[in-house]
Amino acid sequence: MGVHQQGIWTNIVVKNFPLRFRNKIKWWEENKSSLQKKYEIPVPDAYGNYVISLWDIGSGYRKDTGTDQDSDLLCFNDMKTKANCIEKNKVFEVLRGWNGGLQYR
């Protein structure tokens, strides 16, 4: 649905992501090469660290109206539209940390 890059952090907005953890890993393994080619991700720092977060699109991108109801929105400044936010519902995360190990959460 969308890929948003900021430094070593990549946010991928997805729809109908698998529910079971092993299926999430399987989805990542099956799709990471095409995502890497198309979006040039991940973008690691000088030490090879990066974070890729996958977020459920929910009811779609929406505008932050500045009210308390919108306090749990994740907004992407790289979008040129006012409807550039989603509800924070992280479904999966891939990290490569300081020890060089790959983690799935």
N, C-alpha and C. Protein backbone atom coordinates (compact mmCIF):
# COMPACT_ATOMS: atom_id res chain seq x y z
N MET A 1 0.83 -1.20 0.00
CA MET A 1 0.00 0.00 0.00
C MET A 1 0.87 1.26 0.00
N GLY A 2 2.02 1.22 0.70
CA GLY A 2 2.88 2.39 0.72
C GLY A 2 4.16 2.11 1.46
N VAL A 3 5.23 2.77 1.04
CA VAL A 3 6.53 2.65 1.69
C VAL A 3 7.03 4.06 1.98
N HIS A 4 7.42 4.28 3.22
CA HIS A 4 7.87 5.61 3.66
C HIS A 4 9.20 5.44 4.37
N GLN A 5 10.23 6.15 3.87
CA GLN A 5 11.58 6.02 4.37
C GLN A 5 12.01 7.28 5.09
N GLN A 6 12.64 7.10 6.26
CA GLN A 6 13.19 8.22 7.00
C GLN A 6 14.43 7.73 7.73
N GLY A 7 15.59 8.06 7.19
CA GLY A 7 16.84 7.59 7.78
C GLY A 7 16.91 6.08 7.69
N ILE A 8 17.25 5.43 8.82
CA ILE A 8 17.33 3.97 8.83
C ILE A 8 15.97 3.32 9.06
N TRP A 9 14.93 4.13 9.24
CA TRP A 9 13.59 3.62 9.52
C TRP A 9 12.76 3.57 8.25
N THR A 10 12.23 2.39 7.97
CA THR A 10 11.34 2.20 6.84
C THR A 10 9.98 1.79 7.39
N ASN A 11 8.92 2.47 6.96
CA ASN A 11 7.56 2.12 7.32
C ASN A 11 6.85 1.63 6.07
N ILE A 12 6.33 0.41 6.16
CA ILE A 12 5.60 -0.18 5.05
C ILE A 12 4.16 -0.33 5.49
N VAL A 13 3.25 0.22 4.72
CA VAL A 13 1.81 0.14 5.02
C VAL A 13 1.24 -1.01 4.21
N VAL A 14 0.61 -1.95 4.90
CA VAL A 14 0.12 -3.18 4.26
C VAL A 14 -1.38 -3.38 4.51
N LYS A 15 -1.94 -4.23 3.68
CA LYS A 15 -3.36 -4.60 3.82
C LYS A 15 -3.44 -6.12 3.87
N ASN A 16 -4.28 -6.64 4.74
CA ASN A 16 -4.50 -8.09 4.85
C ASN A 16 -3.22 -8.86 5.15
N PHE A 17 -2.45 -8.36 6.12
CA PHE A 17 -1.21 -9.01 6.50
C PHE A 17 -1.53 -10.28 7.29
N PRO A 18 -0.71 -11.32 7.17
CA PRO A 18 -0.97 -12.57 7.92
C PRO A 18 -1.07 -12.32 9.43
N LEU A 19 -1.85 -13.14 10.09
CA LEU A 19 -2.04 -13.00 11.53
C LEU A 19 -1.02 -13.79 12.35
N ARG A 20 -0.70 -14.99 11.91
CA ARG A 20 0.22 -15.85 12.66
C ARG A 20 1.66 -15.41 12.44
N PHE A 21 2.45 -15.46 13.50
CA PHE A 21 3.82 -14.96 13.45
C PHE A 21 4.65 -15.67 12.38
N ARG A 22 4.55 -16.97 12.31
CA ARG A 22 5.35 -17.70 11.30
C ARG A 22 4.93 -17.33 9.88
N ASN A 23 3.66 -17.01 9.68
CA ASN A 23 3.19 -16.58 8.37
C ASN A 23 3.67 -15.16 8.04
N LYS A 24 3.85 -14.34 9.08
CA LYS A 24 4.40 -13.00 8.88
C LYS A 24 5.84 -13.10 8.39
N ILE A 25 6.61 -13.97 9.02
CA ILE A 25 8.00 -14.18 8.61
C ILE A 25 8.04 -14.74 7.19
N LYS A 26 7.18 -15.68 6.90
CA LYS A 26 7.11 -16.26 5.56
C LYS A 26 6.78 -15.18 4.54
N TRP A 27 5.80 -14.30 4.85
CA TRP A 27 5.44 -13.20 3.94
C TRP A 27 6.66 -12.33 3.70
N TRP A 28 7.38 -11.98 4.75
CA TRP A 28 8.56 -11.13 4.62
C TRP A 28 9.61 -11.80 3.73
N GLU A 29 9.89 -13.07 3.99
CA GLU A 29 10.90 -13.78 3.20
C GLU A 29 10.51 -13.85 1.73
N GLU A 30 9.23 -14.00 1.43
CA GLU A 30 8.75 -14.08 0.05
C GLU A 30 8.72 -12.73 -0.66
N ASN A 31 8.63 -11.63 0.09
CA ASN A 31 8.45 -10.31 -0.51
C ASN A 31 9.63 -9.36 -0.35
N LYS A 32 10.60 -9.70 0.48
CA LYS A 32 11.67 -8.74 0.78
C LYS A 32 12.50 -8.39 -0.45
N SER A 33 12.77 -9.34 -1.32
CA SER A 33 13.58 -9.04 -2.50
C SER A 33 12.89 -8.05 -3.42
N SER A 34 11.62 -8.24 -3.67
CA SER A 34 10.90 -7.31 -4.56
C SER A 34 10.77 -5.94 -3.90
N LEU A 35 10.57 -5.88 -2.59
CA LEU A 35 10.52 -4.60 -1.88
C LEU A 35 11.87 -3.90 -1.93
N GLN A 36 12.94 -4.67 -1.76
CA GLN A 36 14.28 -4.10 -1.81
C GLN A 36 14.58 -3.51 -3.19
N LYS A 37 14.21 -4.23 -4.23
CA LYS A 37 14.45 -3.75 -5.60
C LYS A 37 13.62 -2.52 -5.92
N LYS A 38 12.34 -2.58 -5.60
CA LYS A 38 11.42 -1.50 -5.98
C LYS A 38 11.64 -0.23 -5.17
N TYR A 39 11.91 -0.37 -3.87
CA TYR A 39 11.98 0.80 -2.98
C TYR A 39 13.37 1.08 -2.42
N GLU A 40 14.34 0.24 -2.78
CA GLU A 40 15.72 0.39 -2.29
C GLU A 40 15.79 0.43 -0.77
N ILE A 41 15.16 -0.54 -0.16
CA ILE A 41 15.16 -0.67 1.29
C ILE A 41 15.80 -2.00 1.65
N PRO A 42 16.33 -2.13 2.83
CA PRO A 42 16.49 -1.12 3.86
C PRO A 42 17.63 -0.16 3.54
N VAL A 43 17.67 0.92 4.32
CA VAL A 43 18.75 1.89 4.22
C VAL A 43 19.49 1.84 5.56
N PRO A 44 20.50 0.98 5.64
CA PRO A 44 21.22 0.83 6.92
C PRO A 44 22.13 2.01 7.22
N ASP A 45 22.43 2.17 8.51
CA ASP A 45 23.40 3.18 8.91
C ASP A 45 24.81 2.64 8.65
N ALA A 46 25.81 3.36 9.09
CA ALA A 46 27.20 2.99 8.84
C ALA A 46 27.56 1.64 9.46
N TYR A 47 26.80 1.20 10.45
CA TYR A 47 27.07 -0.06 11.13
C TYR A 47 26.20 -1.20 10.64
N GLY A 48 25.33 -0.92 9.69
CA GLY A 48 24.44 -1.95 9.14
C GLY A 48 23.11 -2.06 9.84
N ASN A 49 22.82 -1.15 10.78
CA ASN A 49 21.56 -1.21 11.53
C ASN A 49 20.42 -0.61 10.72
N TYR A 50 19.24 -1.21 10.86
CA TYR A 50 18.03 -0.66 10.24
C TYR A 50 16.80 -1.21 10.94
N VAL A 51 15.67 -0.54 10.71
CA VAL A 51 14.39 -0.96 11.27
C VAL A 51 13.35 -0.86 10.16
N ILE A 52 12.63 -1.95 9.94
CA ILE A 52 11.52 -1.95 8.98
C ILE A 52 10.26 -2.30 9.77
N SER A 53 9.31 -1.38 9.80
CA SER A 53 8.05 -1.59 10.51
C SER A 53 6.94 -1.72 9.49
N LEU A 54 6.09 -2.71 9.69
CA LEU A 54 4.93 -2.91 8.82
C LEU A 54 3.68 -2.55 9.60
N TRP A 55 2.85 -1.72 8.99
CA TRP A 55 1.66 -1.17 9.63
C TRP A 55 0.42 -1.56 8.85
N ASP A 56 -0.64 -1.90 9.55
CA ASP A 56 -1.91 -2.21 8.90
C ASP A 56 -2.56 -0.91 8.41
N ILE A 57 -3.03 -0.90 7.18
CA ILE A 57 -3.65 0.28 6.59
C ILE A 57 -4.97 0.64 7.26
N GLY A 58 -5.61 -0.34 7.90
CA GLY A 58 -6.89 -0.06 8.57
C GLY A 58 -7.91 0.51 7.61
N SER A 59 -8.46 1.66 7.96
CA SER A 59 -9.48 2.29 7.13
C SER A 59 -8.87 3.23 6.09
N GLY A 60 -7.56 3.17 5.91
CA GLY A 60 -6.89 3.96 4.89
C GLY A 60 -6.17 5.17 5.46
N TYR A 61 -5.54 5.89 4.57
CA TYR A 61 -4.86 7.13 4.96
C TYR A 61 -5.92 8.17 5.30
N ARG A 62 -5.63 8.98 6.30
CA ARG A 62 -6.57 10.03 6.68
C ARG A 62 -5.83 11.28 7.15
N LYS A 63 -6.57 12.33 7.26
CA LYS A 63 -6.02 13.62 7.66
C LYS A 63 -5.96 13.72 9.18
N ASP A 64 -4.89 14.31 9.69
CA ASP A 64 -4.77 14.60 11.11
C ASP A 64 -5.49 15.93 11.36
N THR A 65 -6.58 15.87 12.10
CA THR A 65 -7.36 17.08 12.36
C THR A 65 -6.90 17.82 13.60
N GLY A 66 -5.91 17.28 14.31
CA GLY A 66 -5.37 17.95 15.48
C GLY A 66 -6.19 17.77 16.74
N THR A 67 -7.13 16.83 16.74
CA THR A 67 -7.96 16.58 17.91
C THR A 67 -7.38 15.42 18.72
N ASP A 68 -7.90 15.22 19.92
CA ASP A 68 -7.47 14.09 20.75
C ASP A 68 -7.72 12.76 20.06
N GLN A 69 -8.76 12.68 19.25
CA GLN A 69 -9.07 11.44 18.54
C GLN A 69 -7.97 11.05 17.56
N ASP A 70 -7.19 12.02 17.13
CA ASP A 70 -6.12 11.76 16.18
C ASP A 70 -4.75 11.59 16.84
N SER A 71 -4.73 11.50 18.17
CA SER A 71 -3.45 11.43 18.87
C SER A 71 -2.73 10.11 18.63
N ASP A 72 -3.41 9.10 18.14
CA ASP A 72 -2.78 7.81 17.90
C ASP A 72 -2.57 7.57 16.40
N LEU A 73 -2.24 8.63 15.67
CA LEU A 73 -1.98 8.51 14.25
C LEU A 73 -0.48 8.56 13.98
N LEU A 74 -0.08 7.85 12.96
CA LEU A 74 1.28 7.90 12.45
C LEU A 74 1.20 8.61 11.11
N CYS A 75 1.89 9.75 11.00
CA CYS A 75 1.80 10.56 9.79
C CYS A 75 3.12 10.51 9.03
N PHE A 76 3.02 10.57 7.71
CA PHE A 76 4.18 10.47 6.83
C PHE A 76 4.36 11.78 6.09
N ASN A 77 5.43 12.50 6.43
CA ASN A 77 5.69 13.80 5.84
C ASN A 77 6.11 13.74 4.38
N ASP A 78 6.44 12.55 3.89
CA ASP A 78 6.86 12.42 2.49
C ASP A 78 5.67 12.39 1.52
N MET A 79 4.46 12.39 2.05
CA MET A 79 3.27 12.40 1.20
C MET A 79 2.83 13.85 0.98
N LYS A 80 2.48 14.17 -0.24
CA LYS A 80 2.10 15.54 -0.60
C LYS A 80 0.60 15.77 -0.50
N THR A 81 -0.07 15.02 0.33
CA THR A 81 -1.50 15.16 0.53
C THR A 81 -1.80 15.37 2.00
N LYS A 82 -2.94 15.95 2.32
CA LYS A 82 -3.31 16.15 3.73
C LYS A 82 -3.69 14.83 4.39
N ALA A 83 -4.17 13.88 3.61
CA ALA A 83 -4.51 12.56 4.15
C ALA A 83 -3.23 11.71 4.10
N ASN A 84 -2.35 11.94 5.07
CA ASN A 84 -1.05 11.27 5.09
C ASN A 84 -0.80 10.50 6.39
N CYS A 85 -1.86 10.15 7.09
CA CYS A 85 -1.73 9.47 8.39
C CYS A 85 -2.50 8.16 8.39
N ILE A 86 -2.03 7.24 9.23
CA ILE A 86 -2.75 5.99 9.48
C ILE A 86 -2.85 5.79 10.98
N GLU A 87 -3.77 4.96 11.40
CA GLU A 87 -3.85 4.59 12.81
C GLU A 87 -2.64 3.70 13.13
N LYS A 88 -2.06 3.89 14.30
CA LYS A 88 -0.90 3.10 14.69
C LYS A 88 -1.32 1.68 15.03
N ASN A 89 -1.09 0.79 14.10
CA ASN A 89 -1.36 -0.62 14.31
C ASN A 89 -0.23 -1.41 13.65
N LYS A 90 0.88 -1.50 14.38
CA LYS A 90 2.05 -2.21 13.86
C LYS A 90 1.78 -3.71 13.88
N VAL A 91 2.03 -4.36 12.74
CA VAL A 91 1.75 -5.79 12.64
C VAL A 91 3.01 -6.64 12.59
N PHE A 92 4.17 -6.00 12.32
CA PHE A 92 5.41 -6.77 12.20
C PHE A 92 6.58 -5.80 12.15
N GLU A 93 7.75 -6.29 12.57
CA GLU A 93 8.94 -5.47 12.52
C GLU A 93 10.15 -6.34 12.23
N VAL A 94 11.04 -5.82 11.40
CA VAL A 94 12.30 -6.48 11.06
C VAL A 94 13.42 -5.52 11.46
N LEU A 95 14.35 -6.01 12.28
CA LEU A 95 15.44 -5.15 12.76
C LEU A 95 16.78 -5.83 12.57
N ARG A 96 17.77 -5.05 12.22
CA ARG A 96 19.15 -5.51 12.28
C ARG A 96 19.82 -4.55 13.25
N GLY A 97 20.27 -5.09 14.37
CA GLY A 97 20.80 -4.27 15.44
C GLY A 97 22.31 -4.29 15.54
N TRP A 98 22.79 -3.68 16.63
CA TRP A 98 24.23 -3.49 16.85
C TRP A 98 25.00 -4.77 16.87
N ASN A 99 24.37 -5.88 17.23
CA ASN A 99 25.08 -7.16 17.27
C ASN A 99 25.09 -7.86 15.92
N GLY A 100 24.46 -7.24 14.90
CA GLY A 100 24.45 -7.80 13.56
C GLY A 100 23.37 -8.83 13.32
N GLY A 101 22.65 -9.19 14.38
CA GLY A 101 21.61 -10.19 14.26
C GLY A 101 20.31 -9.62 13.71
N LEU A 102 19.60 -10.43 12.97
CA LEU A 102 18.31 -10.05 12.42
C LEU A 102 17.22 -10.48 13.41
N GLN A 103 16.32 -9.58 13.71
CA GLN A 103 15.24 -9.87 14.65
C GLN A 103 13.90 -9.64 13.97
N TYR A 104 12.94 -10.49 14.29
CA TYR A 104 11.56 -10.32 13.86
C TYR A 104 10.71 -10.08 15.10
N ARG A 105 9.85 -9.07 15.05
CA ARG A 105 8.96 -8.81 16.19
C ARG A 105 7.56 -8.53 15.67
